[in-house]
């Protein structure tokens, strides 16, 4: 009876539209106020210039849509690349790319707010704000090319949500997520395991959706000629990456993570003993968080999902390299796991009844939000000097007068490029 009352209360909270709209409005306001020039002028970010413009410039719409990039398939990126080349004026491309990222940010916030494991309106709003206040949140911020990291977040959230509720948006979201990068593919075993344990139709449908997309991604990775990343797996070097990115950076901010990296590098020279010590610290940290989240089964599963993604990303995407231990090394790969860890703590902080555990969870949440707030405030400073550059529209207008003029993507320092002649 008590469980039924709790579920009914949960449904009432989830179904109140004003709370959802308020949280999404707060998320949008935070995104805009963080650095208004990004949303006002838009950006063409890094490889978006070479991959989504130069290589697609004279390519038919559907060829762009179905082209594998970076060794995997991304329907989301490809769609906006095709629209950029065939559907909008060149002056609008930067806004198209940036606002596609705004749309995905809001969609991710929507799925977080609708998650049943966040049982109060305050918890749901805090979960949505984690997208703004989780470090590292500078590199993956509002650009098309890093969209897969947001897809990974809401795919993990859907994994731990009620598959019988919001079937259409969740199944559609999973389909787009798994077809938009390899990150959601890494969750396929969990969707299969959940469907085998529960043996419910809705869980099985989601497992099929993710597995079909995962097979496509694996086939693309095995057959494409554009994948040039070679994996040099070294389990020892993953320890300091996880320790500094998923614990120090998340809870103690970028500066402390930088100091830890320099100490490990210059004082201990990443000796074998140091690498083992960081692994021990990671194991103790994970054990402590699991103990803190005991009796909060979904929060524990969310934490383990985050660590699974962090482990695989550190192994596959970062090659286990020690140059990624520092806060600025491949920081986008830490973003998805850290958001999920923060969501696990949010879920527990608003649900735990034991006073000391609730207080501990809220202290950890406050530390993580403070660390994210530092990154939130750092972005405009970095944008002013290195991230924005000359507004895209002004560059294009000058290019239209003189096609020999190079175009410069963000961040400043990324190679300028020339667009080929239209065929």
Protein backbone atom coordinates (compact mmCIF):
# COMPACT_ATOMS: atom_id res chain seq x y z
CA UNK A 1 0.00 0.00 0.00
CA UNK A 2 2.81 2.39 0.93
CA UNK A 3 4.63 1.53 -2.29
CA UNK A 4 1.49 2.20 -4.33
CA UNK A 5 1.06 5.58 -2.62
CA UNK A 6 4.69 6.43 -3.39
CA UNK A 7 4.29 5.49 -7.05
CA UNK A 8 1.12 7.56 -7.36
CA UNK A 9 2.87 10.54 -5.78
CA UNK A 10 5.79 10.03 -8.18
CA UNK A 11 3.47 10.06 -11.18
CA UNK A 12 1.77 13.24 -9.99
CA UNK A 13 5.13 15.01 -9.60
CA UNK A 14 6.31 13.80 -13.00
CA UNK A 15 3.14 14.88 -14.76
CA UNK A 16 3.04 18.48 -13.54
CA UNK A 17 4.02 20.46 -16.64
CA UNK A 18 4.84 23.72 -14.85
CA UNK A 19 7.74 22.14 -12.98
CA UNK A 20 9.14 20.75 -16.22
CA UNK A 21 8.82 24.05 -18.07
CA UNK A 22 10.39 25.94 -15.18
CA UNK A 23 13.37 23.56 -15.08
CA UNK A 24 13.91 23.77 -18.84
CA UNK A 25 13.56 27.55 -18.78
CA UNK A 26 16.15 27.66 -16.00
CA UNK A 27 18.44 25.44 -18.07
CA UNK A 28 18.02 27.61 -21.15
CA UNK A 29 18.60 30.82 -19.17
CA UNK A 30 21.74 29.32 -17.68
CA UNK A 31 22.96 28.29 -21.12
CA UNK A 32 22.38 31.77 -22.52
CA UNK A 33 23.79 33.72 -19.60
CA UNK A 34 26.89 31.58 -19.43
CA UNK A 35 28.18 33.18 -22.63
CA UNK A 36 25.59 35.10 -24.69
CA UNK A 37 27.83 35.58 -27.78
CA UNK A 38 27.81 31.82 -28.40
CA UNK A 39 24.02 31.75 -28.80
CA UNK A 40 23.79 35.15 -30.48
CA UNK A 41 26.48 34.58 -33.12
CA UNK A 42 26.86 30.81 -33.14
CA UNK A 43 30.13 28.93 -33.68
CA UNK A 44 31.64 26.53 -36.15
CA UNK A 45 33.61 24.40 -33.75
CA UNK A 46 36.90 22.65 -34.58
CA UNK A 47 36.34 19.65 -36.91
CA UNK A 48 32.89 20.95 -37.82
CA UNK A 49 34.77 23.04 -40.37
CA UNK A 50 36.76 20.23 -42.00
CA UNK A 51 34.27 17.38 -41.62
CA UNK A 52 30.85 19.01 -41.80
CA UNK A 53 31.65 21.79 -44.27
CA UNK A 54 34.69 21.07 -46.44
CA UNK A 55 34.08 17.34 -46.91
CA UNK A 56 30.32 17.79 -47.37
CA UNK A 57 30.39 20.91 -49.52
CA UNK A 58 29.83 19.19 -52.88
CA UNK A 59 28.22 16.00 -51.57
CA UNK A 60 24.51 15.16 -52.08
CA UNK A 61 22.18 15.53 -49.09
CA UNK A 62 21.58 11.82 -48.46
CA UNK A 63 25.24 10.95 -48.94
CA UNK A 64 26.11 13.43 -46.18
CA UNK A 65 23.28 12.04 -44.04
CA UNK A 66 24.57 8.47 -44.26
CA UNK A 67 28.32 9.11 -44.20
CA UNK A 68 30.37 7.63 -41.33
CA UNK A 69 32.67 10.13 -39.64
CA UNK A 70 35.51 9.53 -37.17
CA UNK A 71 34.98 5.80 -37.49
CA UNK A 72 31.33 5.75 -36.40
CA UNK A 73 27.90 6.79 -37.59
CA UNK A 74 26.05 9.87 -36.31
CA UNK A 75 22.61 10.58 -37.73
CA UNK A 76 22.26 13.75 -35.61
CA UNK A 77 25.54 15.34 -36.71
CA UNK A 78 25.06 14.25 -40.31
CA UNK A 79 21.54 15.66 -40.51
CA UNK A 80 22.62 19.14 -39.43
CA UNK A 81 25.70 18.93 -41.65
CA UNK A 82 23.46 18.13 -44.63
CA UNK A 83 21.10 21.00 -43.74
CA UNK A 84 24.10 23.33 -43.36
CA UNK A 85 25.32 22.53 -46.86
CA UNK A 86 21.98 22.21 -48.65
CA UNK A 87 19.32 23.94 -46.58
CA UNK A 88 20.48 27.25 -45.11
CA UNK A 89 22.66 30.19 -46.20
CA UNK A 90 26.32 29.87 -45.21
CA UNK A 91 25.90 32.90 -42.93
CA UNK A 92 23.45 30.83 -40.82
CA UNK A 93 25.57 27.69 -40.45
CA UNK A 94 27.20 28.68 -37.14
CA UNK A 95 23.79 29.42 -35.61
CA UNK A 96 22.43 26.13 -36.96
CA UNK A 97 25.25 24.12 -35.39
CA UNK A 98 25.08 25.94 -32.06
CA UNK A 99 21.30 25.88 -31.73
CA UNK A 100 21.20 22.18 -32.60
CA UNK A 101 23.33 21.77 -29.47
CA UNK A 102 20.90 23.97 -27.49
CA UNK A 103 18.04 21.75 -28.66
CA UNK A 104 19.90 18.62 -27.55
CA UNK A 105 20.72 20.21 -24.20
CA UNK A 106 17.00 20.85 -23.60
CA UNK A 107 16.02 17.36 -24.76
CA UNK A 108 18.55 15.88 -22.33
CA UNK A 109 17.10 18.07 -19.58
CA UNK A 110 13.60 16.83 -20.49
CA UNK A 111 14.59 13.16 -20.10
CA UNK A 112 16.35 13.88 -16.80
CA UNK A 113 13.32 15.71 -15.42
CA UNK A 114 11.02 12.85 -16.44
CA UNK A 115 13.20 10.20 -14.75
CA UNK A 116 11.17 8.39 -12.08
CA UNK A 117 14.20 7.92 -9.80
CA UNK A 118 14.13 11.67 -9.13
CA UNK A 119 11.11 11.68 -6.87
CA UNK A 120 10.58 15.34 -5.99
CA UNK A 121 10.37 18.52 -8.03
CA UNK A 122 13.48 19.84 -6.27
CA UNK A 123 15.41 16.68 -7.16
CA UNK A 124 14.29 16.90 -10.79
CA UNK A 125 15.29 20.55 -11.06
CA UNK A 126 18.67 19.83 -9.45
CA UNK A 127 19.14 16.96 -11.90
CA UNK A 128 18.48 19.25 -14.86
CA UNK A 129 20.89 21.85 -13.47
CA UNK A 130 23.58 19.16 -13.36
CA UNK A 131 23.89 19.71 -17.12
CA UNK A 132 25.10 23.23 -16.34
CA UNK A 133 27.02 22.55 -13.15
CA UNK A 134 28.94 19.35 -13.76
CA UNK A 135 32.63 19.65 -14.55
CA UNK A 136 34.27 19.44 -17.00
CA UNK A 137 31.69 21.44 -18.92
CA UNK A 138 33.81 23.66 -21.18
CA UNK A 139 34.98 21.47 -24.07
CA UNK A 140 31.62 19.74 -24.78
CA UNK A 141 29.63 22.95 -24.41
CA UNK A 142 27.11 23.83 -27.15
CA UNK A 143 28.78 22.41 -30.22
CA UNK A 144 27.45 19.86 -32.68
CA UNK A 145 30.51 17.67 -32.84
CA UNK A 146 30.32 16.65 -29.15
CA UNK A 147 26.61 15.83 -29.19
CA UNK A 148 27.24 12.13 -28.49
CA UNK A 149 28.12 12.92 -24.88
CA UNK A 150 24.64 14.33 -24.24
CA UNK A 151 23.05 11.37 -26.00
CA UNK A 152 24.99 9.10 -23.64
CA UNK A 153 23.53 10.92 -20.64
CA UNK A 154 19.90 10.61 -21.55
CA UNK A 155 20.32 7.03 -22.83
CA UNK A 156 21.65 6.06 -19.39
CA UNK A 157 18.79 7.96 -17.74
CA UNK A 158 16.24 6.13 -19.92
CA UNK A 159 17.92 2.83 -19.04
CA UNK A 160 17.06 3.43 -15.38
CA UNK A 161 13.62 4.91 -16.02
CA UNK A 162 10.23 3.22 -16.35
CA UNK A 163 10.13 1.75 -19.86
CA UNK A 164 6.32 1.55 -19.76
CA UNK A 165 5.96 5.32 -19.40
CA UNK A 166 6.63 7.88 -22.17
CA UNK A 167 7.22 5.01 -24.59
CA UNK A 168 7.31 7.04 -27.81
CA UNK A 169 9.70 9.84 -26.77
CA UNK A 170 11.99 7.46 -24.89
CA UNK A 171 12.17 4.86 -27.66
CA UNK A 172 12.65 7.55 -30.31
CA UNK A 173 15.30 9.20 -28.15
CA UNK A 174 17.14 5.89 -27.77
CA UNK A 175 17.02 5.26 -31.51
CA UNK A 176 18.55 8.64 -32.31
CA UNK A 177 21.07 8.31 -29.45
CA UNK A 178 22.44 4.93 -30.50
CA UNK A 179 22.66 6.11 -34.13
CA UNK A 180 24.52 9.27 -33.08
CA UNK A 181 27.80 7.96 -31.76
CA UNK A 182 29.39 5.01 -29.97
CA UNK A 183 28.67 6.07 -26.40
CA UNK A 184 25.13 4.67 -26.24
CA UNK A 185 26.40 1.46 -27.86
CA UNK A 186 28.44 0.84 -24.71
CA UNK A 187 25.17 0.63 -22.77
CA UNK A 188 23.71 -2.15 -24.96
CA UNK A 189 24.68 -4.98 -22.55
CA UNK A 190 22.77 -3.26 -19.73
CA UNK A 191 19.62 -2.91 -21.84
CA UNK A 192 19.84 -6.60 -22.74
CA UNK A 193 20.43 -7.63 -19.13
CA UNK A 194 17.49 -5.53 -17.93
CA UNK A 195 15.16 -7.09 -20.52
CA UNK A 196 16.28 -10.62 -19.57
CA UNK A 197 15.78 -10.01 -15.86
CA UNK A 198 12.40 -8.28 -16.07
CA UNK A 199 11.04 -10.03 -19.18
CA UNK A 200 8.67 -7.19 -19.98
CA UNK A 201 7.70 -6.14 -23.46
CA UNK A 202 8.68 -2.49 -23.10
CA UNK A 203 12.16 -3.32 -21.77
CA UNK A 204 12.63 -5.80 -24.63
CA UNK A 205 11.64 -3.19 -27.20
CA UNK A 206 14.23 -0.76 -25.84
CA UNK A 207 16.87 -3.51 -25.84
CA UNK A 208 16.12 -4.30 -29.49
CA UNK A 209 16.30 -0.60 -30.45
CA UNK A 210 19.68 -0.17 -28.78
CA UNK A 211 21.12 -3.48 -30.02
CA UNK A 212 20.15 -2.87 -33.65
CA UNK A 213 21.82 0.55 -33.52
CA UNK A 214 24.83 -0.93 -31.70
CA UNK A 215 25.29 -3.54 -34.43
CA UNK A 216 25.27 -0.76 -37.02
CA UNK A 217 27.88 1.17 -35.05
CA UNK A 218 30.11 -1.87 -34.65
CA UNK A 219 29.79 -2.67 -38.35
CA UNK A 220 30.67 0.92 -39.22
CA UNK A 221 33.71 0.85 -36.94
CA UNK A 222 34.93 -2.40 -38.49
CA UNK A 223 34.44 -1.38 -42.11
CA UNK A 224 35.09 2.36 -42.28
CA UNK A 225 38.40 3.65 -43.55
CA UNK A 226 38.14 6.93 -41.63
CA UNK A 227 38.86 5.46 -38.22
CA UNK A 228 42.51 6.09 -37.46
CA UNK A 229 42.54 5.71 -33.68
CA UNK A 230 44.71 2.86 -32.45
CA UNK A 231 43.96 1.58 -28.97
CA UNK A 232 46.96 0.99 -26.71
CA UNK A 233 45.26 -0.42 -23.65
CA UNK A 234 47.17 -0.19 -20.39
CA UNK A 235 45.00 -0.92 -17.34
CA UNK A 236 47.48 0.66 -14.93
CA UNK A 237 47.31 4.11 -16.53
CA UNK A 238 43.51 4.21 -16.33
CA UNK A 239 43.68 4.52 -12.53
CA UNK A 240 44.99 8.10 -12.38
CA UNK A 241 42.59 9.17 -15.16
CA UNK A 242 39.57 7.91 -13.21
CA UNK A 243 40.93 9.23 -9.93
CA UNK A 244 41.56 12.76 -11.19
CA UNK A 245 38.60 13.14 -13.57
CA UNK A 246 35.81 11.27 -11.76
CA UNK A 247 36.71 12.19 -8.20
CA UNK A 248 39.15 15.10 -7.83
CA UNK A 249 37.83 17.16 -10.74
CA UNK A 250 34.20 16.38 -9.98
CA UNK A 251 34.25 17.25 -6.30
CA UNK A 252 37.30 19.51 -5.85
CA UNK A 253 37.35 21.56 -9.11
CA UNK A 254 39.70 22.12 -12.02
CA UNK A 255 42.50 23.84 -10.10
CA UNK A 256 42.91 21.00 -7.59
CA UNK A 257 42.82 18.45 -10.43
CA UNK A 258 45.59 20.40 -12.17
CA UNK A 259 47.70 20.41 -9.00
CA UNK A 260 47.17 16.67 -8.49
CA UNK A 261 48.23 16.03 -12.09
CA UNK A 262 51.41 18.09 -11.70
CA UNK A 263 52.26 16.35 -8.43
CA UNK A 264 51.76 12.91 -9.97
CA UNK A 265 53.80 13.94 -13.00
CA UNK A 266 56.67 15.90 -11.47
CA UNK A 267 56.96 14.49 -7.94
CA UNK A 268 56.13 10.82 -8.43
CA UNK A 269 56.73 10.53 -12.20
CA UNK A 270 53.75 8.23 -12.53
CA UNK A 271 55.67 5.31 -11.08
CA UNK A 272 54.05 1.88 -10.87
CA UNK A 273 53.46 2.40 -7.16
CA UNK A 274 51.72 5.71 -7.89
CA UNK A 275 49.51 4.14 -10.54
CA UNK A 276 48.52 1.36 -8.14
CA UNK A 277 47.86 3.92 -5.40
CA UNK A 278 45.46 5.85 -7.63
CA UNK A 279 43.64 2.61 -8.47
CA UNK A 280 43.35 1.90 -4.74
CA UNK A 281 41.92 5.41 -4.23
CA UNK A 282 39.38 4.81 -7.02
CA UNK A 283 38.28 1.48 -5.47
CA UNK A 284 37.93 3.09 -2.03
CA UNK A 285 36.00 6.01 -3.54
CA UNK A 286 33.62 3.75 -5.42
CA UNK A 287 33.10 1.59 -2.36
CA UNK A 288 32.40 4.65 -0.23
CA UNK A 289 29.85 6.01 -2.70
CA UNK A 290 28.11 2.63 -2.98
CA UNK A 291 27.89 2.48 0.80
CA UNK A 292 26.55 6.03 0.94
CA UNK A 293 23.91 5.10 -1.66
CA UNK A 294 22.91 1.81 -0.02
CA UNK A 295 19.19 1.07 -0.16
CA UNK A 296 19.08 3.52 -3.11
CA UNK A 297 19.24 0.83 -5.77
CA UNK A 298 18.70 3.05 -8.81
CA UNK A 299 21.29 5.56 -7.58
CA UNK A 300 23.79 2.72 -7.16
CA UNK A 301 23.04 1.43 -10.67
CA UNK A 302 23.45 4.96 -12.04
CA UNK A 303 26.84 5.22 -10.33
CA UNK A 304 27.96 1.85 -11.72
CA UNK A 305 26.75 2.83 -15.21
CA UNK A 306 28.79 6.03 -14.96
CA UNK A 307 31.90 4.13 -13.93
CA UNK A 308 31.38 1.61 -16.73
CA UNK A 309 31.32 4.43 -19.29
CA UNK A 310 34.30 6.16 -17.66
CA UNK A 311 36.31 2.94 -17.69
CA UNK A 312 35.55 2.14 -21.34
CA UNK A 313 36.08 5.71 -22.51
CA UNK A 314 39.41 5.87 -20.70
CA UNK A 315 40.38 2.53 -22.26
CA UNK A 316 39.15 3.03 -25.82
CA UNK A 317 38.90 6.76 -26.56
CA UNK A 318 41.85 8.03 -24.56
CA UNK A 319 44.14 5.03 -25.15
CA UNK A 320 44.76 4.97 -21.39
CA UNK A 321 47.23 7.80 -21.94
CA UNK A 322 48.74 9.60 -18.95
CA UNK A 323 48.53 12.90 -20.84
CA UNK A 324 44.78 12.72 -20.22
CA UNK A 325 45.13 12.70 -16.43
CA UNK A 326 45.20 16.50 -16.35
CA UNK A 327 41.90 18.41 -16.33
CA UNK A 328 42.36 19.68 -19.88
CA UNK A 329 43.24 16.33 -21.47
CA UNK A 330 40.27 14.89 -23.33
CA UNK A 331 37.94 16.47 -20.80
CA UNK A 332 34.84 15.83 -22.93
CA UNK A 333 35.20 12.12 -22.16
CA UNK A 334 34.74 12.79 -18.46
CA UNK A 335 31.56 14.82 -18.91
CA UNK A 336 28.99 12.04 -19.38
CA UNK A 337 30.18 9.84 -16.47
CA UNK A 338 30.42 12.85 -14.17
CA UNK A 339 26.88 14.00 -14.95
CA UNK A 340 25.63 10.48 -14.18
CA UNK A 341 27.56 10.36 -10.90
CA UNK A 342 26.08 13.72 -9.99
CA UNK A 343 22.58 12.49 -10.87
CA UNK A 344 23.10 9.46 -8.62
CA UNK A 345 24.01 11.78 -5.74
CA UNK A 346 21.04 14.06 -6.52
CA UNK A 347 18.68 11.06 -6.41
CA UNK A 348 20.08 9.98 -3.05
CA UNK A 349 20.33 13.45 -1.53
CA UNK A 350 16.57 13.95 -1.89
CA UNK A 351 15.53 10.40 -0.96
CA UNK A 352 17.80 9.17 1.86
CA UNK A 353 16.16 9.32 5.28
CA UNK A 354 19.22 8.58 7.47
CA UNK A 355 20.44 11.99 8.63
CA UNK A 356 24.19 11.51 8.33
CA UNK A 357 23.99 9.86 4.92
CA UNK A 358 21.59 12.50 3.61
CA UNK A 359 23.88 15.25 4.90
CA UNK A 360 26.95 13.58 3.35
CA UNK A 361 25.18 13.24 0.00
CA UNK A 362 24.16 16.89 0.06
CA UNK A 363 27.69 18.01 0.95
CA UNK A 364 29.06 16.00 -1.98
CA UNK A 365 26.38 17.50 -4.22
CA UNK A 366 27.28 21.00 -3.07
CA UNK A 367 30.97 20.33 -3.75
CA UNK A 368 30.20 19.02 -7.23
CA UNK A 369 27.94 21.98 -8.00
CA UNK A 370 30.61 24.39 -6.76
CA UNK A 371 33.22 22.70 -8.96
CA UNK A 372 30.83 22.93 -11.90
CA UNK A 373 30.09 26.57 -11.11
CA UNK A 374 33.81 27.32 -11.40
CA UNK A 375 33.81 25.79 -14.88
CA UNK A 376 30.57 27.61 -15.66
CA UNK A 377 32.22 30.94 -14.86
CA UNK A 378 35.50 30.07 -16.57
CA UNK A 379 33.91 29.54 -19.98
CA UNK A 380 33.21 33.25 -20.71
CA UNK A 381 36.81 34.10 -19.75
CA UNK A 382 38.20 31.41 -22.05
CA UNK A 383 35.69 32.32 -24.75
CA UNK A 384 36.73 35.98 -24.77
CA UNK A 385 40.33 35.16 -25.56
CA UNK A 386 40.24 31.81 -27.31
CA UNK A 387 36.81 30.36 -27.96
CA UNK A 388 34.76 32.89 -29.89
CA UNK A 389 36.95 34.64 -32.43
CA UNK A 390 35.41 36.82 -35.12
CA UNK A 391 31.64 36.20 -35.54
CA UNK A 392 30.93 33.70 -38.29
CA UNK A 393 28.51 35.94 -40.21
CA UNK A 394 31.14 38.67 -40.60
CA UNK A 395 33.64 36.13 -41.88
CA UNK A 396 31.19 34.77 -44.45
CA UNK A 397 30.22 38.24 -45.71
CA UNK A 398 33.91 38.99 -46.26
CA UNK A 399 34.36 35.58 -47.93
CA UNK A 400 31.45 36.29 -50.27
CA UNK A 401 33.23 39.44 -51.43
CA UNK A 402 36.50 37.56 -51.82
CA UNK A 403 36.30 33.71 -51.92
CA UNK A 404 40.05 33.55 -51.43
CA UNK A 405 39.56 34.74 -47.86
CA UNK A 406 39.97 31.88 -45.35
CA UNK A 407 37.30 31.11 -42.78
CA UNK A 408 38.30 30.63 -39.15
CA UNK A 409 36.47 28.20 -36.87
CA UNK A 410 36.48 28.28 -33.08
CA UNK A 411 38.50 27.96 -30.94
CA UNK A 412 41.07 30.53 -31.92
CA UNK A 413 44.15 28.72 -33.13
CA UNK A 414 42.22 26.03 -34.97
CA UNK A 415 43.41 25.99 -38.61
CA UNK A 416 41.63 28.36 -40.98
CA UNK A 417 40.12 26.71 -44.05
CA UNK A 418 39.00 27.43 -47.60
CA UNK A 419 35.74 26.16 -49.00
CA UNK A 420 35.96 24.47 -52.40
CA UNK A 421 34.10 25.88 -55.37
CA UNK A 422 30.49 24.77 -55.70
CA UNK A 423 29.97 22.20 -58.44
